[in-house]
Each structure stands twice: as structure tokens, then as C-alpha cells.
């Protein structure tokens, strides 16, 4: 289930950011960005599955500010620490 506070507009904005990052990373792949690209693609997969915005460690909601800053994040701030 996506983050409870994630609006359709926020999800669309994050999707656009993730796609732009994926395009950028694809262009820089020779510079060792494969891991970053995989994280971005994973986030897009989670969006399609409806699980984007949920922490993979505790299943809690990832804060909106964290999602805006790092839309491909897999964990909430508490679990990231």
C-alpha cells in the first residue's frame, strides 16, 4: 500500500523525477552508476505495485519530506539510521 499521505500529484512528480534520474544514470553508466540505476528502477517497480512509500524494513510509512528528497529510498528515516 502506498504512503497514506502520498497524493496522486506527489506520486506523478516522484515518478517523473525517478524516470529523469534513470535516464541520467543510463547516460552515466560507464561511471559506475549501475547500483543507483537499480535503486531508481526498483522504486518505479514499487510504484507500479502500489508499495512505494512504505519502508522495506518496518513496513511503516516513509516521511513525505524524505520521499521528496530521495524518491528511491527503501527505508524510513528511523530504519535508515
N, C-alpha and C. Protein backbone atom coordinates (compact mmCIF):
# COMPACT_ATOMS: atom_id res chain seq x y z
N UNK A 1 0.85 -1.18 0.00
CA UNK A 1 0.00 0.00 0.00
C UNK A 1 0.89 1.24 0.00
N UNK A 2 0.63 2.22 -0.86
CA UNK A 2 1.46 3.41 -0.90
C UNK A 2 1.31 4.23 0.37
N UNK A 3 2.24 5.12 0.55
CA UNK A 3 2.24 6.03 1.69
C UNK A 3 0.88 6.70 1.78
N UNK A 4 0.29 6.73 2.98
CA UNK A 4 -1.05 7.27 3.18
C UNK A 4 -1.16 8.74 2.77
N UNK A 5 -0.09 9.49 2.94
CA UNK A 5 -0.12 10.91 2.60
C UNK A 5 0.30 11.21 1.17
N UNK A 6 0.62 10.17 0.40
CA UNK A 6 1.09 10.38 -0.97
C UNK A 6 -0.11 10.66 -1.87
N UNK A 7 -0.17 11.88 -2.36
CA UNK A 7 -1.24 12.26 -3.27
C UNK A 7 -0.90 11.81 -4.67
N UNK A 8 -1.89 11.79 -5.52
CA UNK A 8 -1.66 11.41 -6.92
C UNK A 8 -0.65 12.36 -7.55
N UNK A 9 -0.73 13.64 -7.22
CA UNK A 9 0.21 14.62 -7.78
C UNK A 9 1.62 14.35 -7.30
N UNK A 10 1.76 13.99 -6.02
CA UNK A 10 3.09 13.69 -5.47
C UNK A 10 3.67 12.45 -6.15
N UNK A 11 2.83 11.44 -6.33
CA UNK A 11 3.30 10.21 -6.98
C UNK A 11 3.71 10.50 -8.42
N UNK A 12 2.95 11.32 -9.13
CA UNK A 12 3.29 11.66 -10.51
C UNK A 12 4.60 12.44 -10.55
N UNK A 13 4.77 13.38 -9.63
CA UNK A 13 6.00 14.16 -9.56
C UNK A 13 7.20 13.25 -9.28
N UNK A 14 7.05 12.35 -8.31
CA UNK A 14 8.13 11.43 -7.97
C UNK A 14 8.43 10.50 -9.13
N UNK A 15 7.39 10.04 -9.82
CA UNK A 15 7.58 9.16 -10.99
C UNK A 15 8.40 9.89 -12.06
N UNK A 16 8.08 11.16 -12.30
CA UNK A 16 8.82 11.94 -13.29
C UNK A 16 10.27 12.12 -12.86
N UNK A 17 10.49 12.41 -11.57
CA UNK A 17 11.85 12.54 -11.06
C UNK A 17 12.63 11.24 -11.21
N UNK A 18 11.99 10.13 -10.88
CA UNK A 18 12.65 8.83 -10.97
C UNK A 18 13.00 8.49 -12.42
N UNK A 19 12.09 8.77 -13.33
CA UNK A 19 12.37 8.49 -14.73
C UNK A 19 13.50 9.38 -15.24
N UNK A 20 13.52 10.65 -14.82
CA UNK A 20 14.60 11.54 -15.22
C UNK A 20 15.93 11.06 -14.66
N UNK A 21 15.92 10.59 -13.40
CA UNK A 21 17.15 10.05 -12.80
C UNK A 21 17.61 8.80 -13.54
N UNK A 22 16.66 7.95 -13.91
CA UNK A 22 17.02 6.73 -14.64
C UNK A 22 17.66 7.09 -15.97
N UNK A 23 17.09 8.06 -16.67
CA UNK A 23 17.66 8.49 -17.95
C UNK A 23 19.07 9.04 -17.74
N UNK A 24 19.25 9.87 -16.72
CA UNK A 24 20.56 10.44 -16.42
C UNK A 24 21.57 9.34 -16.08
N UNK A 25 21.15 8.39 -15.27
CA UNK A 25 22.05 7.31 -14.86
C UNK A 25 22.42 6.42 -16.04
N UNK A 26 21.48 6.19 -16.92
CA UNK A 26 21.77 5.40 -18.10
C UNK A 26 22.87 6.07 -18.93
N UNK A 27 22.85 7.38 -19.00
CA UNK A 27 23.85 8.11 -19.76
C UNK A 27 25.22 8.03 -19.09
N UNK A 28 25.24 7.88 -17.74
CA UNK A 28 26.50 7.85 -17.00
C UNK A 28 26.91 6.45 -16.58
N UNK A 29 26.29 5.43 -17.11
CA UNK A 29 26.55 4.06 -16.66
C UNK A 29 28.03 3.71 -16.62
N UNK A 30 28.80 4.21 -17.54
CA UNK A 30 30.22 3.93 -17.55
C UNK A 30 30.93 4.45 -16.31
N UNK A 31 30.29 5.35 -15.57
CA UNK A 31 30.89 5.96 -14.38
C UNK A 31 30.52 5.20 -13.11
N UNK A 32 30.06 3.97 -13.24
CA UNK A 32 29.77 3.15 -12.06
C UNK A 32 28.45 3.46 -11.38
N UNK A 33 27.44 3.80 -12.13
CA UNK A 33 26.15 4.17 -11.54
C UNK A 33 25.13 3.05 -11.61
N UNK A 34 25.55 1.86 -11.91
CA UNK A 34 24.61 0.75 -12.06
C UNK A 34 23.79 0.54 -10.79
N UNK A 35 24.41 0.62 -9.62
CA UNK A 35 23.67 0.43 -8.36
C UNK A 35 22.61 1.51 -8.18
N UNK A 36 22.96 2.76 -8.48
CA UNK A 36 21.99 3.85 -8.39
C UNK A 36 20.82 3.61 -9.34
N UNK A 37 21.13 3.18 -10.54
CA UNK A 37 20.10 2.91 -11.53
C UNK A 37 19.17 1.81 -11.03
N UNK A 38 19.73 0.78 -10.45
CA UNK A 38 18.92 -0.32 -9.93
C UNK A 38 17.96 0.18 -8.84
N UNK A 39 18.42 1.11 -7.99
CA UNK A 39 17.56 1.67 -6.95
C UNK A 39 16.40 2.45 -7.55
N UNK A 40 16.69 3.23 -8.57
CA UNK A 40 15.64 4.01 -9.24
C UNK A 40 14.63 3.08 -9.91
N UNK A 41 15.12 2.07 -10.61
CA UNK A 41 14.22 1.12 -11.26
C UNK A 41 13.39 0.34 -10.24
N UNK A 42 14.00 0.02 -9.10
CA UNK A 42 13.27 -0.66 -8.02
C UNK A 42 12.13 0.22 -7.51
N UNK A 43 12.40 1.51 -7.35
CA UNK A 43 11.36 2.43 -6.89
C UNK A 43 10.21 2.50 -7.89
N UNK A 44 10.52 2.53 -9.17
CA UNK A 44 9.47 2.55 -10.18
C UNK A 44 8.64 1.27 -10.14
N UNK A 45 9.29 0.15 -9.90
CA UNK A 45 8.58 -1.12 -9.78
C UNK A 45 7.65 -1.09 -8.58
N UNK A 46 8.14 -0.52 -7.46
CA UNK A 46 7.30 -0.41 -6.26
C UNK A 46 6.10 0.50 -6.51
N UNK A 47 6.30 1.56 -7.29
CA UNK A 47 5.17 2.44 -7.63
C UNK A 47 4.12 1.65 -8.39
N UNK A 48 4.56 0.89 -9.37
CA UNK A 48 3.62 0.10 -10.17
C UNK A 48 2.89 -0.93 -9.32
N UNK A 49 3.57 -1.46 -8.28
CA UNK A 49 2.97 -2.46 -7.41
C UNK A 49 2.13 -1.84 -6.30
N UNK A 50 2.21 -0.51 -6.15
CA UNK A 50 1.44 0.16 -5.10
C UNK A 50 2.10 0.10 -3.74
N UNK A 51 3.40 -0.18 -3.69
CA UNK A 51 4.09 -0.28 -2.40
C UNK A 51 5.11 0.83 -2.18
N UNK A 52 5.21 1.77 -3.10
CA UNK A 52 6.13 2.89 -2.95
C UNK A 52 5.71 3.73 -1.76
N UNK A 53 6.68 4.17 -0.97
CA UNK A 53 6.38 5.00 0.20
C UNK A 53 6.28 4.20 1.48
N UNK A 54 6.48 2.89 1.41
CA UNK A 54 6.47 2.02 2.58
C UNK A 54 7.89 1.55 2.84
N UNK A 55 8.30 1.57 4.10
CA UNK A 55 9.64 1.12 4.48
C UNK A 55 9.75 -0.39 4.29
N UNK A 56 10.83 -0.81 3.66
CA UNK A 56 11.04 -2.25 3.43
C UNK A 56 11.50 -2.97 4.69
N UNK A 57 11.92 -2.23 5.71
CA UNK A 57 12.38 -2.87 6.95
C UNK A 57 11.26 -3.00 7.98
N UNK A 58 10.50 -1.93 8.21
CA UNK A 58 9.48 -1.97 9.25
C UNK A 58 8.06 -1.90 8.71
N UNK A 59 7.91 -1.70 7.41
CA UNK A 59 6.62 -1.59 6.72
C UNK A 59 5.86 -0.31 7.06
N UNK A 60 6.50 0.57 7.81
CA UNK A 60 5.87 1.86 8.14
C UNK A 60 5.95 2.82 6.97
N UNK A 61 5.26 3.93 7.13
CA UNK A 61 5.27 4.95 6.09
C UNK A 61 6.60 5.70 6.09
N UNK A 62 7.09 5.99 4.92
CA UNK A 62 8.28 6.82 4.76
C UNK A 62 7.79 8.26 4.71
N UNK A 63 8.42 9.14 5.46
CA UNK A 63 8.01 10.54 5.53
C UNK A 63 8.00 11.23 4.17
N UNK A 64 7.06 12.14 4.00
CA UNK A 64 6.91 12.85 2.72
C UNK A 64 8.17 13.62 2.36
N UNK A 65 8.78 14.29 3.34
CA UNK A 65 10.00 15.06 3.05
C UNK A 65 11.11 14.14 2.57
N UNK A 66 11.23 12.97 3.18
CA UNK A 66 12.27 12.01 2.76
C UNK A 66 11.98 11.51 1.34
N UNK A 67 10.73 11.23 1.04
CA UNK A 67 10.37 10.78 -0.31
C UNK A 67 10.62 11.86 -1.35
N UNK A 68 10.37 13.10 -0.98
CA UNK A 68 10.64 14.20 -1.91
C UNK A 68 12.14 14.34 -2.17
N UNK A 69 12.93 14.17 -1.13
CA UNK A 69 14.38 14.32 -1.25
C UNK A 69 15.03 13.12 -1.93
N UNK A 70 14.54 11.91 -1.60
CA UNK A 70 15.13 10.67 -2.12
C UNK A 70 13.98 9.74 -2.52
N UNK A 71 13.35 9.98 -3.67
CA UNK A 71 12.19 9.18 -4.03
C UNK A 71 12.47 7.69 -4.19
N UNK A 72 13.74 7.31 -4.35
CA UNK A 72 14.06 5.89 -4.50
C UNK A 72 14.41 5.22 -3.18
N UNK A 73 14.27 5.94 -2.06
CA UNK A 73 14.64 5.36 -0.77
C UNK A 73 13.81 4.12 -0.46
N UNK A 74 14.43 3.16 0.22
CA UNK A 74 13.77 1.92 0.59
C UNK A 74 13.33 1.92 2.05
N UNK A 75 13.81 2.91 2.83
CA UNK A 75 13.54 2.86 4.26
C UNK A 75 13.14 4.21 4.82
N UNK A 76 12.41 4.16 5.93
CA UNK A 76 12.05 5.37 6.65
C UNK A 76 13.31 5.92 7.34
N UNK A 77 13.22 7.11 7.85
CA UNK A 77 14.37 7.75 8.47
C UNK A 77 14.86 6.96 9.68
N UNK A 78 13.94 6.47 10.50
CA UNK A 78 14.34 5.71 11.69
C UNK A 78 15.12 4.45 11.31
N UNK A 79 14.65 3.72 10.33
CA UNK A 79 15.34 2.49 9.92
C UNK A 79 16.65 2.79 9.19
N UNK A 80 16.73 3.93 8.53
CA UNK A 80 17.95 4.29 7.83
C UNK A 80 19.09 4.61 8.79
N UNK A 81 18.72 5.03 9.99
CA UNK A 81 19.75 5.36 10.99
C UNK A 81 20.33 4.09 11.49
